[in-house]
C-alpha atoms as a PDB file:
ATOM      1  CA  MET A   1     105.579  34.494 301.340  1.00  0.00           C
ATOM      2  CA  VAL A   2     107.783  32.257 303.505  1.00  0.00           C
ATOM      3  CA  HIS A   3     109.435  28.905 303.034  1.00  0.00           C
ATOM      4  CA  HIS A   4     109.655  26.168 305.645  1.00  0.00           C
ATOM      5  CA  ILE A   5     112.208  23.431 304.970  1.00  0.00           C
ATOM      6  CA  VAL A   6     112.563  20.360 307.163  1.00  0.00           C
ATOM      7  CA  MET A   7     115.027  17.506 306.665  1.00  0.00           C
ATOM      8  CA  TRP A   8     115.233  14.155 308.419  1.00  0.00           C
ATOM      9  CA  LYS A   9     117.246  10.969 308.518  1.00  0.00           C
ATOM     10  CA  PHE A  10     115.548   7.628 308.915  1.00  0.00           C
ATOM     11  CA  LYS A  11     116.067   5.934 312.249  1.00  0.00           C
ATOM     12  CA  PRO A  12     118.869   3.349 312.007  1.00  0.00           C
ATOM     13  CA  GLU A  13     116.481   0.487 312.699  1.00  0.00           C
ATOM     14  CA  ILE A  14     114.344   1.214 309.612  1.00  0.00           C
ATOM     15  CA  GLU A  15     115.134  -1.461 307.028  1.00  0.00           C
ATOM     16  CA  GLU A  16     116.144  -0.293 303.537  1.00  0.00           C
ATOM     17  CA  GLU A  17     113.400  -2.340 301.866  1.00  0.00           C
ATOM     18  CA  ARG A  18     110.769  -0.556 303.962  1.00  0.00           C
ATOM     19  CA  LYS A  19     111.881   2.985 303.092  1.00  0.00           C
ATOM     20  CA  PRO A  20     110.134   3.264 299.673  1.00  0.00           C
ATOM     21  CA  GLU A  21     106.704   2.510 301.174  1.00  0.00           C
ATOM     22  CA  LEU A  22     107.340   4.904 304.063  1.00  0.00           C
ATOM     23  CA  LYS A  23     108.412   7.669 301.673  1.00  0.00           C
ATOM     24  CA  LYS A  24     105.289   7.138 299.580  1.00  0.00           C
ATOM     25  CA  ALA A  25     103.016   7.437 302.626  1.00  0.00           C
ATOM     26  CA  MET A  26     104.921  10.479 303.892  1.00  0.00           C
ATOM     27  CA  LYS A  27     104.641  12.237 300.541  1.00  0.00           C
ATOM     28  CA  GLU A  28     100.949  11.470 300.038  1.00  0.00           C
ATOM     29  CA  ASN A  29      99.951  12.575 303.507  1.00  0.00           C
ATOM     30  CA  LEU A  30     102.116  15.692 303.674  1.00  0.00           C
ATOM     31  CA  CYS A  31     100.966  16.841 300.229  1.00  0.00           C
ATOM     32  CA  SER A  32      97.340  16.287 301.252  1.00  0.00           C
ATOM     33  CA  LEU A  33      97.683  19.098 303.809  1.00  0.00           C
ATOM     34  CA  VAL A  34      97.410  21.800 301.112  1.00  0.00           C
ATOM     35  CA  GLY A  35      93.840  23.053 301.343  1.00  0.00           C
ATOM     36  CA  LYS A  36      93.421  21.689 304.857  1.00  0.00           C
ATOM     37  CA  VAL A  37      95.892  23.901 306.718  1.00  0.00           C
ATOM     38  CA  PRO A  38      95.201  27.640 306.317  1.00  0.00           C
ATOM     39  CA  GLY A  39      98.141  29.534 304.846  1.00  0.00           C
ATOM     40  CA  LEU A  40      99.871  26.410 303.490  1.00  0.00           C
ATOM     41  CA  LEU A  41     100.295  27.118 299.780  1.00  0.00           C
ATOM     42  CA  THR A  42     102.611  24.400 298.452  1.00  0.00           C
ATOM     43  CA  VAL A  43     104.270  21.194 299.618  1.00  0.00           C
ATOM     44  CA  ASP A  44     107.162  19.405 297.947  1.00  0.00           C
ATOM     45  CA  PHE A  45     108.516  16.176 299.387  1.00  0.00           C
ATOM     46  CA  ILE A  46     112.086  15.305 298.434  1.00  0.00           C
ATOM     47  CA  GLU A  47     112.481  11.546 298.532  1.00  0.00           C
ATOM     48  CA  GLN A  48     115.502  11.029 296.273  1.00  0.00           C
ATOM     49  CA  PRO A  49     118.255  13.421 297.396  1.00  0.00           C
ATOM     50  CA  LEU A  50     121.627  13.373 295.690  1.00  0.00           C
ATOM     51  CA  PRO A  51     124.289  11.124 297.281  1.00  0.00           C
ATOM     52  CA  SER A  52     126.106  14.237 298.556  1.00  0.00           C
ATOM     53  CA  SER A  53     123.150  15.011 300.870  1.00  0.00           C
ATOM     54  CA  THR A  54     123.386  14.749 304.643  1.00  0.00           C
ATOM     55  CA  HIS A  55     119.714  13.805 305.173  1.00  0.00           C
ATOM     56  CA  ASP A  56     117.465  11.125 303.666  1.00  0.00           C
ATOM     57  CA  ILE A  57     114.263  13.093 303.004  1.00  0.00           C
ATOM     58  CA  ALA A  58     113.047  16.676 303.057  1.00  0.00           C
ATOM     59  CA  LEU A  59     109.877  18.723 303.125  1.00  0.00           C
ATOM     60  CA  VAL A  60     109.819  22.083 301.323  1.00  0.00           C
ATOM     61  CA  THR A  61     106.709  24.167 301.926  1.00  0.00           C
ATOM     62  CA  THR A  62     105.547  27.635 301.029  1.00  0.00           C
ATOM     63  CA  LEU A  63     103.265  29.514 303.395  1.00  0.00           C
ATOM     64  CA  ALA A  64     101.538  32.857 303.079  1.00  0.00           C
ATOM     65  CA  ASN A  65     103.399  34.537 305.968  1.00  0.00           C
ATOM     66  CA  ALA A  66     105.619  33.868 308.977  1.00  0.00           C
ATOM     67  CA  GLU A  67     102.661  33.589 311.364  1.00  0.00           C
ATOM     68  CA  ASP A  68     101.347  30.676 309.323  1.00  0.00           C
ATOM     69  CA  ILE A  69     104.390  28.571 310.257  1.00  0.00           C
ATOM     70  CA  ALA A  70     103.366  28.591 313.915  1.00  0.00           C
ATOM     71  CA  ALA A  71      99.741  27.819 313.025  1.00  0.00           C
ATOM     72  CA  TYR A  72     100.833  24.981 310.716  1.00  0.00           C
ATOM     73  CA  ALA A  73     102.955  23.441 313.481  1.00  0.00           C
ATOM     74  CA  VAL A  74      99.955  22.928 315.776  1.00  0.00           C
ATOM     75  CA  HIS A  75      97.191  22.399 313.223  1.00  0.00           C
ATOM     76  CA  PRO A  76      95.420  19.081 313.969  1.00  0.00           C
ATOM     77  CA  ALA A  77      95.726  17.825 310.384  1.00  0.00           C
ATOM     78  CA  HIS A  78      99.472  18.470 310.398  1.00  0.00           C
ATOM     79  CA  THR A  79     100.094  16.942 313.817  1.00  0.00           C
ATOM     80  CA  ALA A  80      98.096  13.844 312.848  1.00  0.00           C
ATOM     81  CA  VAL A  81     100.243  13.337 309.738  1.00  0.00           C
ATOM     82  CA  ALA A  82     103.470  14.033 311.629  1.00  0.00           C
ATOM     83  CA  ASP A  83     102.574  11.720 314.515  1.00  0.00           C
ATOM     84  CA  THR A  84     101.468   8.881 312.224  1.00  0.00           C
ATOM     85  CA  TYR A  85     103.696   9.009 309.144  1.00  0.00           C
ATOM     86  CA  ILE A  86     106.821  10.971 310.084  1.00  0.00           C
ATOM     87  CA  ARG A  87     107.941  11.020 313.724  1.00  0.00           C
ATOM     88  CA  PRO A  88     107.853   7.249 314.330  1.00  0.00           C
ATOM     89  CA  PHE A  89     110.391   6.675 311.544  1.00  0.00           C
ATOM     90  CA  VAL A  90     112.810   9.620 311.567  1.00  0.00           C
ATOM     91  CA  THR A  91     115.534  11.263 313.586  1.00  0.00           C
ATOM     92  CA  GLU A  92     117.958  14.166 313.263  1.00  0.00           C
ATOM     93  CA  ARG A  93     115.420  16.791 312.220  1.00  0.00           C
ATOM     94  CA  ALA A  94     116.800  20.017 310.770  1.00  0.00           C
ATOM     95  CA  CYS A  95     114.644  23.035 309.973  1.00  0.00           C
ATOM     96  CA  LEU A  96     115.145  26.289 308.092  1.00  0.00           C
ATOM     97  CA  ASP A  97     112.499  29.004 307.638  1.00  0.00           C
ATOM     98  CA  TYR A  98     113.065  32.047 305.430  1.00  0.00           C
ATOM     99  CA  GLU A  99     111.293  34.818 303.552  1.00  0.00           C
END
């Protein structure tokens, strides 16, 4: 089993009042990938980090094995969610994968 953690900051031009609706859409769509992407076992979306955090939101996933991370990255369902609900609104992506 492997874990894939990604953190982002919102782009500076994203208004504060818009962030709750964006977070909701991100969470719903990322969580919907379980069962659609082979090897993706769990998805947790962190939308309320502690004030000491350096990023605004995070994705914590569990996958069956390390090879599944590469397959997840290019899976059409994942890229559609990322291109529609994530990438247009975020910057400063950080990623950590571990077993």
